[in-house]
């Protein structure tokens, strides 16, 4: 594990920030779908770039802040704050106050970077997901929400077991198209909160029509996969 040194932390706001403007203050109530993920870790994704020896770091940091600020204009919740309110009937409600308080920009340095990702394929899992999505309806969603209100449940690490397989992100996300002046990224990584056993993160690959996968499995499962000739034949072609 390489050491990390935090150099600065700065709140970054969406453009045209005006705390007195009532348009900046609106509330988004969280649905049962949102609430079940509250105990879960923060979704973490990171891009890896080459570091040219002639790079002007100070200008690049300001450029990144400006890019983040421009992006936050499209995502008001990211500059707001989570609000939890207790009611007289012993219930609570959760919402996001979109007040453009700002997202925290952290400038840190590290000595080392992990090895690059490897390409692979994904097809059957996506097909099965599309089948499940096609089966959903407004009535099914309404019934699921009403059931959740009667018996709430939350996503925690305890719900993951050796037979759980979770897919996240999407090959439609053009992560390698993020050029902040360093050129294309050389890799993409997820953070510790996304590294649960059975978690598969999928990204659009650096080459056209390719995909990057980050697969987190137990040592026993990886060993079994490596000893499966049929699987290895498909994965290597």
C-alpha atoms as a PDB file:
ATOM      1  CA  UNK A   1       0.000   0.000   0.000  1.00  0.00           C
ATOM      2  CA  UNK A   2       1.529   3.311  -1.073  1.00  0.00           C
ATOM      3  CA  UNK A   3       1.403   6.275   1.289  1.00  0.00           C
ATOM      4  CA  UNK A   4      -0.951   9.150   0.447  1.00  0.00           C
ATOM      5  CA  UNK A   5      -0.373  12.756   1.433  1.00  0.00           C
ATOM      6  CA  UNK A   6      -3.297  15.212   1.322  1.00  0.00           C
ATOM      7  CA  UNK A   7      -2.097  18.621   0.113  1.00  0.00           C
ATOM      8  CA  UNK A   8      -5.353  20.570   0.173  1.00  0.00           C
ATOM      9  CA  UNK A   9      -9.151  20.277   0.418  1.00  0.00           C
ATOM     10  CA  UNK A  10     -11.438  22.795  -1.294  1.00  0.00           C
ATOM     11  CA  UNK A  11     -15.251  22.969  -1.667  1.00  0.00           C
ATOM     12  CA  UNK A  12     -16.193  23.309  -5.332  1.00  0.00           C
ATOM     13  CA  UNK A  13     -19.571  24.829  -6.261  1.00  0.00           C
ATOM     14  CA  UNK A  14     -21.678  24.693  -9.374  1.00  0.00           C
ATOM     15  CA  UNK A  15     -21.284  27.763 -11.642  1.00  0.00           C
ATOM     16  CA  UNK A  16     -23.144  30.986 -10.851  1.00  0.00           C
ATOM     17  CA  UNK A  17     -23.242  30.105  -7.175  1.00  0.00           C
ATOM     18  CA  UNK A  18     -25.572  32.484  -5.296  1.00  0.00           C
ATOM     19  CA  UNK A  19     -26.626  31.322  -1.800  1.00  0.00           C
ATOM     20  CA  UNK A  20     -29.408  33.958  -1.745  1.00  0.00           C
ATOM     21  CA  UNK A  21     -31.067  32.643  -4.908  1.00  0.00           C
ATOM     22  CA  UNK A  22     -34.122  30.509  -3.912  1.00  0.00           C
ATOM     23  CA  UNK A  23     -33.664  28.409  -7.061  1.00  0.00           C
ATOM     24  CA  UNK A  24     -30.558  26.906  -5.440  1.00  0.00           C
ATOM     25  CA  UNK A  25     -32.562  25.680  -2.469  1.00  0.00           C
ATOM     26  CA  UNK A  26     -34.827  22.764  -3.280  1.00  0.00           C
ATOM     27  CA  UNK A  27     -35.329  19.370  -1.682  1.00  0.00           C
ATOM     28  CA  UNK A  28     -35.299  15.869  -3.158  1.00  0.00           C
ATOM     29  CA  UNK A  29     -37.053  13.277  -1.008  1.00  0.00           C
ATOM     30  CA  UNK A  30     -35.375   9.876  -1.075  1.00  0.00           C
ATOM     31  CA  UNK A  31     -37.421   6.896  -2.275  1.00  0.00           C
ATOM     32  CA  UNK A  32     -37.310   3.392  -0.762  1.00  0.00           C
ATOM     33  CA  UNK A  33     -34.898   2.453  -3.562  1.00  0.00           C
ATOM     34  CA  UNK A  34     -32.525   5.207  -2.389  1.00  0.00           C
ATOM     35  CA  UNK A  35     -33.006   4.549   1.327  1.00  0.00           C
ATOM     36  CA  UNK A  36     -31.957   0.900   1.194  1.00  0.00           C
ATOM     37  CA  UNK A  37     -28.467   1.948   0.077  1.00  0.00           C
ATOM     38  CA  UNK A  38     -27.838   4.462   2.890  1.00  0.00           C
ATOM     39  CA  UNK A  39     -25.688   2.068   4.993  1.00  0.00           C
ATOM     40  CA  UNK A  40     -23.676   1.059   1.920  1.00  0.00           C
ATOM     41  CA  UNK A  41     -20.288   2.544   1.111  1.00  0.00           C
ATOM     42  CA  UNK A  42     -19.837   5.534  -1.162  1.00  0.00           C
ATOM     43  CA  UNK A  43     -19.530   4.668  -4.844  1.00  0.00           C
ATOM     44  CA  UNK A  44     -15.883   5.231  -5.757  1.00  0.00           C
ATOM     45  CA  UNK A  45     -14.349   5.399  -9.241  1.00  0.00           C
ATOM     46  CA  UNK A  46     -10.920   6.681 -10.221  1.00  0.00           C
ATOM     47  CA  UNK A  47      -9.045   7.373 -13.465  1.00  0.00           C
ATOM     48  CA  UNK A  48      -5.287   6.807 -13.817  1.00  0.00           C
ATOM     49  CA  UNK A  49      -3.160   9.082 -16.035  1.00  0.00           C
ATOM     50  CA  UNK A  50       0.476   9.323 -17.019  1.00  0.00           C
ATOM     51  CA  UNK A  51       2.296  12.118 -15.201  1.00  0.00           C
ATOM     52  CA  UNK A  52       4.493  14.041 -17.695  1.00  0.00           C
ATOM     53  CA  UNK A  53       7.715  15.378 -16.189  1.00  0.00           C
ATOM     54  CA  UNK A  54       6.989  18.878 -17.565  1.00  0.00           C
ATOM     55  CA  UNK A  55       3.450  19.043 -16.149  1.00  0.00           C
ATOM     56  CA  UNK A  56       2.476  22.351 -14.486  1.00  0.00           C
ATOM     57  CA  UNK A  57       0.627  20.880 -11.508  1.00  0.00           C
ATOM     58  CA  UNK A  58      -0.835  24.138 -10.206  1.00  0.00           C
ATOM     59  CA  UNK A  59      -2.549  24.957 -13.507  1.00  0.00           C
ATOM     60  CA  UNK A  60      -3.820  21.385 -13.869  1.00  0.00           C
ATOM     61  CA  UNK A  61      -5.386  21.411 -10.402  1.00  0.00           C
ATOM     62  CA  UNK A  62      -7.249  24.636 -11.200  1.00  0.00           C
ATOM     63  CA  UNK A  63      -8.320  23.139 -14.527  1.00  0.00           C
ATOM     64  CA  UNK A  64      -9.713  20.071 -12.729  1.00  0.00           C
ATOM     65  CA  UNK A  65     -11.641  22.265 -10.286  1.00  0.00           C
ATOM     66  CA  UNK A  66     -13.141  24.205 -13.187  1.00  0.00           C
ATOM     67  CA  UNK A  67     -14.135  20.951 -14.948  1.00  0.00           C
ATOM     68  CA  UNK A  68     -15.724  19.638 -11.752  1.00  0.00           C
ATOM     69  CA  UNK A  69     -17.622  22.883 -11.242  1.00  0.00           C
ATOM     70  CA  UNK A  70     -19.003  22.770 -14.802  1.00  0.00           C
ATOM     71  CA  UNK A  71     -20.089  19.156 -14.315  1.00  0.00           C
ATOM     72  CA  UNK A  72     -21.805  19.848 -10.978  1.00  0.00           C
ATOM     73  CA  UNK A  73     -24.234  22.187 -12.737  1.00  0.00           C
ATOM     74  CA  UNK A  74     -25.937  19.058 -14.096  1.00  0.00           C
ATOM     75  CA  UNK A  75     -25.935  17.205 -10.740  1.00  0.00           C
ATOM     76  CA  UNK A  76     -27.356  19.501  -7.998  1.00  0.00           C
ATOM     77  CA  UNK A  77     -27.557  16.706  -5.359  1.00  0.00           C
ATOM     78  CA  UNK A  78     -23.765  16.315  -5.434  1.00  0.00           C
ATOM     79  CA  UNK A  79     -23.328  19.861  -4.156  1.00  0.00           C
ATOM     80  CA  UNK A  80     -26.047  19.509  -1.529  1.00  0.00           C
ATOM     81  CA  UNK A  81     -26.294  17.733   1.804  1.00  0.00           C
ATOM     82  CA  UNK A  82     -28.199  14.750   3.193  1.00  0.00           C
ATOM     83  CA  UNK A  83     -30.894  15.750   5.696  1.00  0.00           C
ATOM     84  CA  UNK A  84     -32.497  13.357   8.198  1.00  0.00           C
ATOM     85  CA  UNK A  85     -35.639  14.592   9.964  1.00  0.00           C
ATOM     86  CA  UNK A  86     -37.357  12.995  12.960  1.00  0.00           C
ATOM     87  CA  UNK A  87     -41.162  13.223  13.129  1.00  0.00           C
ATOM     88  CA  UNK A  88     -43.570  13.199  16.053  1.00  0.00           C
ATOM     89  CA  UNK A  89     -44.907   9.745  15.133  1.00  0.00           C
ATOM     90  CA  UNK A  90     -41.432   8.232  15.763  1.00  0.00           C
ATOM     91  CA  UNK A  91     -40.640   7.961  12.056  1.00  0.00           C
ATOM     92  CA  UNK A  92     -37.848   9.602  10.122  1.00  0.00           C
ATOM     93  CA  UNK A  93     -37.553  10.907   6.575  1.00  0.00           C
ATOM     94  CA  UNK A  94     -34.439  11.446   4.485  1.00  0.00           C
ATOM     95  CA  UNK A  95     -33.906  14.000   1.770  1.00  0.00           C
ATOM     96  CA  UNK A  96     -31.179  15.861  -0.085  1.00  0.00           C
ATOM     97  CA  UNK A  97     -31.091  19.629   0.265  1.00  0.00           C
ATOM     98  CA  UNK A  98     -29.777  20.995  -3.035  1.00  0.00           C
ATOM     99  CA  UNK A  99     -28.252  24.252  -1.810  1.00  0.00           C
ATOM    100  CA  UNK A 100     -24.934  24.196  -3.698  1.00  0.00           C
ATOM    101  CA  UNK A 101     -22.886  24.058  -0.502  1.00  0.00           C
ATOM    102  CA  UNK A 102     -20.230  22.369  -2.621  1.00  0.00           C
ATOM    103  CA  UNK A 103     -18.480  19.077  -3.321  1.00  0.00           C
ATOM    104  CA  UNK A 104     -15.129  18.498  -1.635  1.00  0.00           C
ATOM    105  CA  UNK A 105     -12.136  18.549  -3.991  1.00  0.00           C
ATOM    106  CA  UNK A 106      -9.140  16.778  -2.445  1.00  0.00           C
ATOM    107  CA  UNK A 107      -5.639  17.259  -3.856  1.00  0.00           C
ATOM    108  CA  UNK A 108      -3.403  14.412  -2.723  1.00  0.00           C
ATOM    109  CA  UNK A 109      -0.215  12.729  -3.930  1.00  0.00           C
ATOM    110  CA  UNK A 110       0.778   9.079  -3.925  1.00  0.00           C
ATOM    111  CA  UNK A 111       4.003   7.281  -4.759  1.00  0.00           C
ATOM    112  CA  UNK A 112       2.681   4.242  -6.668  1.00  0.00           C
ATOM    113  CA  UNK A 113      -0.187   3.110  -8.884  1.00  0.00           C
ATOM    114  CA  UNK A 114      -1.580  -0.437  -9.287  1.00  0.00           C
ATOM    115  CA  UNK A 115      -1.155  -2.439 -12.465  1.00  0.00           C
ATOM    116  CA  UNK A 116      -3.450  -1.810 -15.399  1.00  0.00           C
ATOM    117  CA  UNK A 117      -6.784  -3.463 -16.000  1.00  0.00           C
ATOM    118  CA  UNK A 118      -7.254  -6.288 -18.449  1.00  0.00           C
ATOM    119  CA  UNK A 119      -9.874  -6.549 -21.200  1.00  0.00           C
ATOM    120  CA  UNK A 120     -12.570  -9.227 -21.186  1.00  0.00           C
ATOM    121  CA  UNK A 121     -16.074  -9.812 -22.502  1.00  0.00           C
ATOM    122  CA  UNK A 122     -19.626  -9.520 -21.135  1.00  0.00           C
ATOM    123  CA  UNK A 123     -22.800 -10.720 -22.819  1.00  0.00           C
ATOM    124  CA  UNK A 124     -24.999 -13.268 -21.113  1.00  0.00           C
ATOM    125  CA  UNK A 125     -25.174 -11.326 -17.849  1.00  0.00           C
ATOM    126  CA  UNK A 126     -26.291  -8.167 -19.675  1.00  0.00           C
ATOM    127  CA  UNK A 127     -28.911 -10.152 -21.601  1.00  0.00           C
ATOM    128  CA  UNK A 128     -30.384 -11.570 -18.399  1.00  0.00           C
ATOM    129  CA  UNK A 129     -30.460  -8.090 -16.856  1.00  0.00           C
ATOM    130  CA  UNK A 130     -32.360  -6.757 -19.884  1.00  0.00           C
ATOM    131  CA  UNK A 131     -34.919  -9.565 -19.486  1.00  0.00           C
ATOM    132  CA  UNK A 132     -35.469  -8.649 -15.828  1.00  0.00           C
ATOM    133  CA  UNK A 133     -35.834  -4.944 -16.650  1.00  0.00           C
ATOM    134  CA  UNK A 134     -38.388  -5.721 -19.373  1.00  0.00           C
ATOM    135  CA  UNK A 135     -40.546  -7.583 -16.827  1.00  0.00           C
ATOM    136  CA  UNK A 136     -40.889  -4.528 -14.568  1.00  0.00           C
ATOM    137  CA  UNK A 137     -44.037  -2.396 -14.535  1.00  0.00           C
ATOM    138  CA  UNK A 138     -45.475   0.572 -12.629  1.00  0.00           C
ATOM    139  CA  UNK A 139     -47.706  -1.775 -10.634  1.00  0.00           C
ATOM    140  CA  UNK A 140     -44.813  -4.033  -9.647  1.00  0.00           C
ATOM    141  CA  UNK A 141     -42.744  -1.038  -8.556  1.00  0.00           C
ATOM    142  CA  UNK A 142     -45.626   0.397  -6.508  1.00  0.00           C
ATOM    143  CA  UNK A 143     -46.199  -2.952  -4.761  1.00  0.00           C
ATOM    144  CA  UNK A 144     -42.484  -3.276  -4.004  1.00  0.00           C
ATOM    145  CA  UNK A 145     -42.359   0.200  -2.436  1.00  0.00           C
ATOM    146  CA  UNK A 146     -45.468  -0.440  -0.330  1.00  0.00           C
ATOM    147  CA  UNK A 147     -43.962  -3.715   0.877  1.00  0.00           C
ATOM    148  CA  UNK A 148     -40.675  -1.989   1.729  1.00  0.00           C
ATOM    149  CA  UNK A 149     -42.487   0.606   3.860  1.00  0.00           C
ATOM    150  CA  UNK A 150     -44.028  -2.200   5.930  1.00  0.00           C
ATOM    151  CA  UNK A 151     -40.802  -4.180   6.319  1.00  0.00           C
ATOM    152  CA  UNK A 152     -37.800  -1.973   5.461  1.00  0.00           C
ATOM    153  CA  UNK A 153     -34.527  -3.627   4.538  1.00  0.00           C
ATOM    154  CA  UNK A 154     -31.120  -2.136   3.817  1.00  0.00           C
ATOM    155  CA  UNK A 155     -28.157  -3.131   1.679  1.00  0.00           C
ATOM    156  CA  UNK A 156     -25.261  -4.166   3.918  1.00  0.00           C
ATOM    157  CA  UNK A 157     -22.137  -6.299   3.602  1.00  0.00           C
ATOM    158  CA  UNK A 158     -23.970  -9.102   5.397  1.00  0.00           C
ATOM    159  CA  UNK A 159     -26.263  -9.529   2.372  1.00  0.00           C
ATOM    160  CA  UNK A 160     -23.320 -10.495   0.181  1.00  0.00           C
ATOM    161  CA  UNK A 161     -22.271 -14.132   0.236  1.00  0.00           C
ATOM    162  CA  UNK A 162     -20.218 -16.514  -1.858  1.00  0.00           C
ATOM    163  CA  UNK A 163     -23.137 -16.973  -4.306  1.00  0.00           C
ATOM    164  CA  UNK A 164     -23.837 -13.272  -4.837  1.00  0.00           C
ATOM    165  CA  UNK A 165     -22.899 -11.656  -8.154  1.00  0.00           C
ATOM    166  CA  UNK A 166     -23.422  -7.911  -8.591  1.00  0.00           C
ATOM    167  CA  UNK A 167     -22.855  -5.918 -11.776  1.00  0.00           C
ATOM    168  CA  UNK A 168     -22.216  -2.166 -11.681  1.00  0.00           C
ATOM    169  CA  UNK A 169     -21.299   0.707 -14.013  1.00  0.00           C
ATOM    170  CA  UNK A 170     -21.861   0.305 -17.753  1.00  0.00           C
ATOM    171  CA  UNK A 171     -19.937  -0.145 -21.025  1.00  0.00           C
ATOM    172  CA  UNK A 172     -21.802   2.961 -22.214  1.00  0.00           C
ATOM    173  CA  UNK A 173     -19.711   5.136 -19.880  1.00  0.00           C
ATOM    174  CA  UNK A 174     -16.917   6.661 -21.959  1.00  0.00           C
ATOM    175  CA  UNK A 175     -14.415   6.798 -19.081  1.00  0.00           C
ATOM    176  CA  UNK A 176     -11.421   6.933 -21.418  1.00  0.00           C
ATOM    177  CA  UNK A 177     -12.828  10.049 -23.070  1.00  0.00           C
ATOM    178  CA  UNK A 178     -12.017  12.131 -19.966  1.00  0.00           C
ATOM    179  CA  UNK A 179      -9.033  14.203 -21.078  1.00  0.00           C
ATOM    180  CA  UNK A 180      -8.047  16.946 -18.626  1.00  0.00           C
ATOM    181  CA  UNK A 181      -4.802  17.822 -20.377  1.00  0.00           C
ATOM    182  CA  UNK A 182      -2.911  14.615 -19.596  1.00  0.00           C
ATOM    183  CA  UNK A 183      -4.242  12.721 -22.604  1.00  0.00           C
ATOM    184  CA  UNK A 184      -6.426   9.628 -22.328  1.00  0.00           C
ATOM    185  CA  UNK A 185      -6.499   7.706 -19.025  1.00  0.00           C
ATOM    186  CA  UNK A 186      -4.342   4.580 -18.909  1.00  0.00           C
ATOM    187  CA  UNK A 187      -6.671   2.763 -16.520  1.00  0.00           C
ATOM    188  CA  UNK A 188      -9.754   2.988 -14.343  1.00  0.00           C
ATOM    189  CA  UNK A 189     -10.127   1.772 -10.756  1.00  0.00           C
ATOM    190  CA  UNK A 190     -12.848   1.399  -8.159  1.00  0.00           C
ATOM    191  CA  UNK A 191     -12.381   2.254  -4.493  1.00  0.00           C
ATOM    192  CA  UNK A 192     -12.541   0.017  -1.441  1.00  0.00           C
ATOM    193  CA  UNK A 193     -16.322   0.361  -1.098  1.00  0.00           C
ATOM    194  CA  UNK A 194     -16.764  -1.385  -4.471  1.00  0.00           C
ATOM    195  CA  UNK A 195     -14.420  -4.289  -3.793  1.00  0.00           C
ATOM    196  CA  UNK A 196     -16.890  -6.786  -2.359  1.00  0.00           C
ATOM    197  CA  UNK A 197     -16.722 -10.478  -3.206  1.00  0.00           C
ATOM    198  CA  UNK A 198     -18.826 -11.047  -6.318  1.00  0.00           C
ATOM    199  CA  UNK A 199     -18.743  -7.452  -7.579  1.00  0.00           C
ATOM    200  CA  UNK A 200     -18.114  -6.852 -11.294  1.00  0.00           C
ATOM    201  CA  UNK A 201     -17.581  -3.313 -12.613  1.00  0.00           C
ATOM    202  CA  UNK A 202     -17.872  -2.801 -16.366  1.00  0.00           C
ATOM    203  CA  UNK A 203     -16.513   0.165 -18.315  1.00  0.00           C
ATOM    204  CA  UNK A 204     -16.156   1.108 -21.960  1.00  0.00           C
ATOM    205  CA  UNK A 205     -12.668   0.038 -23.048  1.00  0.00           C
ATOM    206  CA  UNK A 206      -9.882   2.195 -24.411  1.00  0.00           C
ATOM    207  CA  UNK A 207     -10.160   0.503 -27.811  1.00  0.00           C
ATOM    208  CA  UNK A 208     -13.289   0.828 -29.970  1.00  0.00           C
ATOM    209  CA  UNK A 209     -16.043  -1.729 -29.179  1.00  0.00           C
ATOM    210  CA  UNK A 210     -14.075  -3.101 -26.212  1.00  0.00           C
ATOM    211  CA  UNK A 211     -14.889  -3.295 -22.504  1.00  0.00           C
ATOM    212  CA  UNK A 212     -12.878  -3.197 -19.299  1.00  0.00           C
ATOM    213  CA  UNK A 213     -13.894  -5.356 -16.363  1.00  0.00           C
ATOM    214  CA  UNK A 214     -12.845  -5.239 -12.736  1.00  0.00           C
ATOM    215  CA  UNK A 215     -13.826  -8.544 -11.122  1.00  0.00           C
ATOM    216  CA  UNK A 216     -13.632  -9.052  -7.360  1.00  0.00           C
ATOM    217  CA  UNK A 217     -13.825 -12.704  -6.332  1.00  0.00           C
ATOM    218  CA  UNK A 218     -12.474 -14.834  -3.525  1.00  0.00           C
ATOM    219  CA  UNK A 219      -9.164 -16.665  -3.957  1.00  0.00           C
ATOM    220  CA  UNK A 220     -10.995 -20.005  -4.028  1.00  0.00           C
ATOM    221  CA  UNK A 221     -13.335 -18.859  -6.806  1.00  0.00           C
ATOM    222  CA  UNK A 222     -10.494 -17.418  -8.892  1.00  0.00           C
ATOM    223  CA  UNK A 223      -8.529 -20.647  -8.531  1.00  0.00           C
ATOM    224  CA  UNK A 224     -11.541 -22.688  -9.634  1.00  0.00           C
ATOM    225  CA  UNK A 225     -12.038 -20.412 -12.666  1.00  0.00           C
ATOM    226  CA  UNK A 226      -8.377 -20.764 -13.610  1.00  0.00           C
ATOM    227  CA  UNK A 227      -8.728 -24.546 -13.508  1.00  0.00           C
ATOM    228  CA  UNK A 228     -11.861 -24.550 -15.700  1.00  0.00           C
ATOM    229  CA  UNK A 229     -10.684 -25.216 -19.310  1.00  0.00           C
ATOM    230  CA  UNK A 230     -14.041 -24.246 -20.868  1.00  0.00           C
ATOM    231  CA  UNK A 231     -14.144 -20.867 -19.107  1.00  0.00           C
ATOM    232  CA  UNK A 232     -10.494 -20.076 -19.796  1.00  0.00           C
ATOM    233  CA  UNK A 233     -10.940 -20.922 -23.483  1.00  0.00           C
ATOM    234  CA  UNK A 234     -13.783 -18.379 -23.767  1.00  0.00           C
ATOM    235  CA  UNK A 235     -12.017 -15.731 -21.669  1.00  0.00           C
ATOM    236  CA  UNK A 236      -8.778 -15.914 -23.674  1.00  0.00           C
ATOM    237  CA  UNK A 237     -10.441 -15.573 -27.099  1.00  0.00           C
END
